C-alpha atoms as a PDB file:
ATOM      1  CA  THR A   1     -11.763  -9.170  12.317  1.00  0.00           C
ATOM      2  CA  PHE A   2      -8.569 -11.216  12.451  1.00  0.00           C
ATOM      3  CA  LYS A   3     -10.130 -13.989  10.386  1.00  0.00           C
ATOM      4  CA  ARG A   4     -10.831 -11.606   7.470  1.00  0.00           C
ATOM      5  CA  TYR A   5      -7.199 -10.450   7.677  1.00  0.00           C
ATOM      6  CA  ILE A   6      -5.766 -13.996   7.447  1.00  0.00           C
ATOM      7  CA  ILE A   7      -8.312 -14.758   4.508  1.00  0.00           C
ATOM      8  CA  MET A   8      -7.033 -11.619   2.652  1.00  0.00           C
ATOM      9  CA  LEU A   9      -3.414 -12.475   3.288  1.00  0.00           C
ATOM     10  CA  ARG A  10      -3.893 -16.008   1.926  1.00  0.00           C
ATOM     11  CA  LEU A  11      -5.914 -14.894  -1.032  1.00  0.00           C
ATOM     12  CA  SER A  12      -3.330 -12.311  -1.991  1.00  0.00           C
ATOM     13  CA  SER A  13      -0.431 -14.877  -1.628  1.00  0.00           C
ATOM     14  CA  ALA A  14      -2.291 -17.349  -3.760  1.00  0.00           C
ATOM     15  CA  VAL A  15      -3.038 -14.794  -6.473  1.00  0.00           C
ATOM     16  CA  LEU A  16       0.596 -13.769  -6.557  1.00  0.00           C
ATOM     17  CA  ILE A  17       1.952 -17.263  -6.513  1.00  0.00           C
ATOM     18  CA  ALA A  18      -0.483 -18.390  -9.290  1.00  0.00           C
ATOM     19  CA  ALA A  19       0.578 -15.394 -11.537  1.00  0.00           C
ATOM     20  CA  MET A  20       4.201 -16.180 -11.028  1.00  0.00           C
ATOM     21  CA  THR A  21       3.944 -19.837 -11.903  1.00  0.00           C
ATOM     22  CA  THR A  22       1.599 -19.515 -14.900  1.00  0.00           C
ATOM     23  CA  GLY A  23       4.029 -17.449 -16.744  1.00  0.00           C
ATOM     24  CA  SER A  24       7.452 -18.629 -17.861  1.00  0.00           C
ATOM     25  CA  ALA A  25       9.578 -20.666 -15.515  1.00  0.00           C
ATOM     26  CA  SER A  26      11.847 -17.717 -14.983  1.00  0.00           C
ATOM     27  CA  ALA A  27      11.085 -14.755 -12.666  1.00  0.00           C
ATOM     28  CA  GLU A  28      11.436 -12.137 -15.367  1.00  0.00           C
ATOM     29  CA  GLY A  29       8.321 -10.291 -14.176  1.00  0.00           C
ATOM     30  CA  LEU A  30       9.233 -10.211 -10.520  1.00  0.00           C
ATOM     31  CA  TYR A  31       9.925  -6.948  -8.777  1.00  0.00           C
ATOM     32  CA  LEU A  32      10.434  -5.624  -5.209  1.00  0.00           C
ATOM     33  CA  GLY A  33      10.231  -2.106  -3.930  1.00  0.00           C
ATOM     34  CA  THR A  34      10.853  -0.136  -0.775  1.00  0.00           C
ATOM     35  CA  GLY A  35      10.075   3.444  -0.005  1.00  0.00           C
ATOM     36  CA  PHE A  36       8.307   5.876   2.261  1.00  0.00           C
ATOM     37  CA  ALA A  37       4.652   6.843   2.444  1.00  0.00           C
ATOM     38  CA  SER A  38       2.603   9.558   4.015  1.00  0.00           C
ATOM     39  CA  VAL A  39      -0.484   7.806   5.377  1.00  0.00           C
ATOM     40  CA  ASN A  40      -3.439  10.016   6.359  1.00  0.00           C
ATOM     41  CA  ALA A  41      -6.793   9.318   7.806  1.00  0.00           C
ATOM     42  CA  GLU A  42      -9.841  11.461   8.407  1.00  0.00           C
ATOM     43  CA  GLU A  43     -12.850  10.708  10.740  1.00  0.00           C
ATOM     44  CA  PRO A  44     -15.513  12.984  11.836  1.00  0.00           C
ATOM     45  CA  GLY A  45     -13.824  15.763  13.994  1.00  0.00           C
ATOM     46  CA  TYR A  46     -10.277  14.229  13.580  1.00  0.00           C
ATOM     47  CA  LYS A  47      -7.420  14.122  11.070  1.00  0.00           C
ATOM     48  CA  TYR A  48      -4.260  12.103  11.702  1.00  0.00           C
ATOM     49  CA  GLY A  49      -1.585  10.483   9.866  1.00  0.00           C
ATOM     50  CA  SER A  50       1.953   8.759  10.066  1.00  0.00           C
ATOM     51  CA  THR A  51       5.109   8.530   8.080  1.00  0.00           C
ATOM     52  CA  ASN A  52       5.479   4.844   6.936  1.00  0.00           C
ATOM     53  CA  ILE A  53       8.216   2.688   5.498  1.00  0.00           C
ATOM     54  CA  LEU A  54       6.632   0.690   2.607  1.00  0.00           C
ATOM     55  CA  GLY A  55       7.414  -2.637   1.130  1.00  0.00           C
ATOM     56  CA  LEU A  56       6.237  -3.862  -2.293  1.00  0.00           C
ATOM     57  CA  ILE A  57       6.355  -7.104  -4.104  1.00  0.00           C
ATOM     58  CA  GLY A  58       4.813  -7.491  -7.619  1.00  0.00           C
ATOM     59  CA  TYR A  59       4.733  -9.636 -10.659  1.00  0.00           C
ATOM     60  CA  GLU A  60       4.272  -8.129 -14.169  1.00  0.00           C
ATOM     61  CA  VAL A  61       1.957 -10.522 -15.920  1.00  0.00           C
ATOM     62  CA  ASN A  62       2.291  -8.515 -19.249  1.00  0.00           C
ATOM     63  CA  ASP A  63       2.945  -4.784 -20.413  1.00  0.00           C
ATOM     64  CA  TYR A  64      -0.569  -3.943 -19.199  1.00  0.00           C
ATOM     65  CA  LEU A  65      -1.151  -5.967 -15.939  1.00  0.00           C
ATOM     66  CA  SER A  66       0.721  -6.472 -12.793  1.00  0.00           C
ATOM     67  CA  LEU A  67      -0.210  -7.991  -9.456  1.00  0.00           C
ATOM     68  CA  GLU A  68       1.075  -6.402  -6.333  1.00  0.00           C
ATOM     69  CA  GLY A  69       1.245  -6.863  -2.557  1.00  0.00           C
ATOM     70  CA  GLU A  70       1.999  -3.893  -0.350  1.00  0.00           C
ATOM     71  CA  LEU A  71       2.835  -3.463   3.406  1.00  0.00           C
ATOM     72  CA  SER A  72       3.464  -0.293   5.366  1.00  0.00           C
ATOM     73  CA  VAL A  73       4.769   0.109   8.981  1.00  0.00           C
ATOM     74  CA  ALA A  74       4.414   3.447  10.810  1.00  0.00           C
ATOM     75  CA  ILE A  75       7.831   5.006  11.754  1.00  0.00           C
ATOM     76  CA  SER A  76       6.519   8.355  12.924  1.00  0.00           C
ATOM     77  CA  LYS A  77       2.911   8.941  14.280  1.00  0.00           C
ATOM     78  CA  ASP A  78       0.883  12.013  14.759  1.00  0.00           C
ATOM     79  CA  THR A  79      -0.184  13.448  18.128  1.00  0.00           C
ATOM     80  CA  ILE A  80      -3.697  14.644  18.535  1.00  0.00           C
ATOM     81  CA  ARG A  81      -5.151  16.229  21.750  1.00  0.00           C
ATOM     82  CA  ILE A  82      -8.647  15.164  23.058  1.00  0.00           C
ATOM     83  CA  ALA A  83      -9.780  17.008  26.127  1.00  0.00           C
ATOM     84  CA  SER A  84      -6.472  17.450  27.963  1.00  0.00           C
ATOM     85  CA  THR A  85      -4.845  14.208  26.940  1.00  0.00           C
ATOM     86  CA  ASN A  86      -2.271  13.749  24.124  1.00  0.00           C
ATOM     87  CA  ILE A  87      -2.857  10.703  21.944  1.00  0.00           C
ATOM     88  CA  GLU A  88      -0.266   9.341  19.541  1.00  0.00           C
ATOM     89  CA  ILE A  89      -1.946   7.895  16.608  1.00  0.00           C
ATOM     90  CA  GLY A  90      -0.945   6.307  13.290  1.00  0.00           C
ATOM     91  CA  THR A  91      -2.019   4.004  10.551  1.00  0.00           C
ATOM     92  CA  GLU A  92      -0.439   0.938   8.964  1.00  0.00           C
ATOM     93  CA  HIS A  93      -1.691  -1.203   6.052  1.00  0.00           C
ATOM     94  CA  MET A  94      -1.503  -4.244   3.981  1.00  0.00           C
ATOM     95  CA  ALA A  95      -2.943  -4.385   0.407  1.00  0.00           C
ATOM     96  CA  ALA A  96      -3.236  -6.480  -2.710  1.00  0.00           C
ATOM     97  CA  TYR A  97      -3.647  -4.798  -6.046  1.00  0.00           C
ATOM     98  CA  ALA A  98      -4.167  -5.327  -9.767  1.00  0.00           C
ATOM     99  CA  LYS A  99      -2.051  -2.635 -11.358  1.00  0.00           C
ATOM    100  CA  LEU A 100      -3.103  -1.457 -14.878  1.00  0.00           C
ATOM    101  CA  SER A 101      -0.256   0.077 -16.820  1.00  0.00           C
ATOM    102  CA  LEU A 102      -0.351   2.302 -19.866  1.00  0.00           C
ATOM    103  CA  PRO A 103       2.705   1.422 -22.006  1.00  0.00           C
ATOM    104  CA  THR A 104       4.475   4.447 -23.359  1.00  0.00           C
ATOM    105  CA  SER A 105       7.496   4.922 -25.560  1.00  0.00           C
ATOM    106  CA  GLY A 106       9.396   7.191 -22.965  1.00  0.00           C
ATOM    107  CA  PRO A 107      10.629   6.315 -19.556  1.00  0.00           C
ATOM    108  CA  ILE A 108       7.480   7.489 -17.591  1.00  0.00           C
ATOM    109  CA  LYS A 109       4.826   4.811 -17.293  1.00  0.00           C
ATOM    110  CA  PRO A 110       1.442   5.946 -15.754  1.00  0.00           C
ATOM    111  CA  TYR A 111      -0.765   3.350 -13.990  1.00  0.00           C
ATOM    112  CA  ALA A 112      -3.914   2.811 -12.035  1.00  0.00           C
ATOM    113  CA  ARG A 113      -4.429   0.335  -9.122  1.00  0.00           C
ATOM    114  CA  LEU A 114      -7.507  -1.421  -7.867  1.00  0.00           C
ATOM    115  CA  GLY A 115      -7.626  -3.833  -4.986  1.00  0.00           C
ATOM    116  CA  MET A 116      -8.286  -4.485  -1.330  1.00  0.00           C
ATOM    117  CA  ALA A 117      -6.590  -2.900   1.678  1.00  0.00           C
ATOM    118  CA  ARG A 118      -6.494  -3.858   5.239  1.00  0.00           C
ATOM    119  CA  ALA A 119      -5.564  -0.885   7.654  1.00  0.00           C
ATOM    120  CA  GLU A 120      -4.972  -0.670  11.301  1.00  0.00           C
ATOM    121  CA  ALA A 121      -5.042   2.454  13.260  1.00  0.00           C
ATOM    122  CA  SER A 122      -3.384   2.328  16.728  1.00  0.00           C
ATOM    123  CA  ALA A 123      -3.788   5.064  19.388  1.00  0.00           C
ATOM    124  CA  THR A 124      -1.343   5.248  22.417  1.00  0.00           C
ATOM    125  CA  VAL A 125      -1.990   7.085  25.647  1.00  0.00           C
ATOM    126  CA  GLY A 126       0.689   6.595  28.201  1.00  0.00           C
ATOM    127  CA  SER A 127       1.562   2.927  28.160  1.00  0.00           C
ATOM    128  CA  THR A 128      -1.867   1.767  26.758  1.00  0.00           C
ATOM    129  CA  THR A 129      -2.319   1.126  23.096  1.00  0.00           C
ATOM    130  CA  VAL A 130      -5.679   0.474  21.324  1.00  0.00           C
ATOM    131  CA  SER A 131      -6.044  -0.669  17.803  1.00  0.00           C
ATOM    132  CA  VAL A 132      -8.810  -1.006  15.279  1.00  0.00           C
ATOM    133  CA  ASN A 133      -8.615  -2.480  11.915  1.00  0.00           C
ATOM    134  CA  ASP A 134     -10.896  -2.813   8.808  1.00  0.00           C
ATOM    135  CA  SER A 135     -10.690  -3.736   5.129  1.00  0.00           C
ATOM    136  CA  ALA A 136     -11.951  -1.747   2.209  1.00  0.00           C
ATOM    137  CA  PHE A 137     -11.805  -1.471  -1.656  1.00  0.00           C
ATOM    138  CA  SER A 138      -8.769   0.665  -2.545  1.00  0.00           C
ATOM    139  CA  TYR A 139      -7.885   2.513  -5.710  1.00  0.00           C
ATOM    140  CA  GLY A 140      -5.173   4.891  -6.880  1.00  0.00           C
ATOM    141  CA  ILE A 141      -3.160   6.333  -9.721  1.00  0.00           C
ATOM    142  CA  GLY A 142       0.601   6.816 -10.185  1.00  0.00           C
ATOM    143  CA  ALA A 143       3.567   6.789 -12.501  1.00  0.00           C
ATOM    144  CA  GLU A 144       6.960   5.129 -12.595  1.00  0.00           C
ATOM    145  CA  TRP A 145      10.076   6.686 -13.982  1.00  0.00           C
ATOM    146  CA  GLU A 146      12.280   3.919 -15.324  1.00  0.00           C
ATOM    147  CA  LEU A 147      15.790   4.802 -14.558  1.00  0.00           C
ATOM    148  CA  SER A 148      17.066   1.586 -16.276  1.00  0.00           C
ATOM    149  CA  GLU A 149      15.684  -1.781 -17.385  1.00  0.00           C
ATOM    150  CA  LYS A 150      16.074  -2.989 -13.754  1.00  0.00           C
ATOM    151  CA  THR A 151      15.329   0.137 -11.674  1.00  0.00           C
ATOM    152  CA  GLY A 152      12.600   2.724 -11.412  1.00  0.00           C
ATOM    153  CA  ILE A 153      11.145   5.298  -9.032  1.00  0.00           C
ATOM    154  CA  ARG A 154       7.452   5.329  -8.500  1.00  0.00           C
ATOM    155  CA  LEU A 155       5.101   8.064  -7.129  1.00  0.00           C
ATOM    156  CA  ASP A 156       1.450   7.079  -6.377  1.00  0.00           C
ATOM    157  CA  TYR A 157      -1.625   8.137  -4.532  1.00  0.00           C
ATOM    158  CA  THR A 158      -3.942   5.460  -3.382  1.00  0.00           C
ATOM    159  CA  ALA A 159      -7.278   6.077  -1.403  1.00  0.00           C
ATOM    160  CA  ALA A 160      -9.774   3.690   0.550  1.00  0.00           C
ATOM    161  CA  ASP A 161     -13.119   4.393   2.293  1.00  0.00           C
ATOM    162  CA  TYR A 162     -13.427   2.364   5.504  1.00  0.00           C
ATOM    163  CA  GLY A 163     -16.973   3.563   6.314  1.00  0.00           C
ATOM    164  CA  VAL A 164     -16.395   6.178   9.052  1.00  0.00           C
ATOM    165  CA  THR A 165     -12.732   6.768   8.076  1.00  0.00           C
ATOM    166  CA  ASP A 166     -11.424   7.921   4.746  1.00  0.00           C
ATOM    167  CA  ALA A 167      -7.680   7.003   4.215  1.00  0.00           C
ATOM    168  CA  SER A 168      -5.091   7.909   1.706  1.00  0.00           C
ATOM    169  CA  VAL A 169      -1.449   6.942   0.963  1.00  0.00           C
ATOM    170  CA  LEU A 170       1.018   9.108  -0.982  1.00  0.00           C
ATOM    171  CA  ALA A 171       4.067   6.917  -1.569  1.00  0.00           C
ATOM    172  CA  LEU A 172       7.601   7.321  -3.136  1.00  0.00           C
ATOM    173  CA  THR A 173       9.065   3.912  -3.971  1.00  0.00           C
ATOM    174  CA  THR A 174      12.202   2.591  -5.556  1.00  0.00           C
ATOM    175  CA  VAL A 175      11.505  -0.564  -7.562  1.00  0.00           C
ATOM    176  CA  PHE A 176      14.014  -3.236  -8.463  1.00  0.00           C
ATOM    177  CA  ARG A 177      13.213  -5.753 -11.219  1.00  0.00           C
ATOM    178  CA  PHE A 178      14.786  -9.362 -11.527  1.00  0.00           C
END
């Protein structure tokens, strides 16, 4: 429900603010990212997805742990056909993660993410749109290729099980460190 969404948003914000203020006074661990994601969902009898633009904010607590917030918005949705009706359907999400990194001596840094995601699927028929949303435990793996000390490119795969719906996100993100 909407109340759970607000609680998750407040909790994510509080964790990120606490992490940023408990370290040094500077924002050396702060990073932002933007990119594209292929968001897919599967329900009994139906598969659908969307292409989304993705925003990322994170704070690197140390070499092993980062806290992240992620938001995606659909820019292109699938069309599925039920009976003789075309339905445009896509998924958007908001998530908070603990990112566990494996420091390496090279420019490629693998990681795993664990957290909570809130997704919303919206279906449009004609001028009518219906949306459903839910929260679920989310997990994923990925790697970042550090192009420089301040810039990197990430590729990650994240999944969540929303009960009846299984969802996955394959994202390519550019990261900027401050």
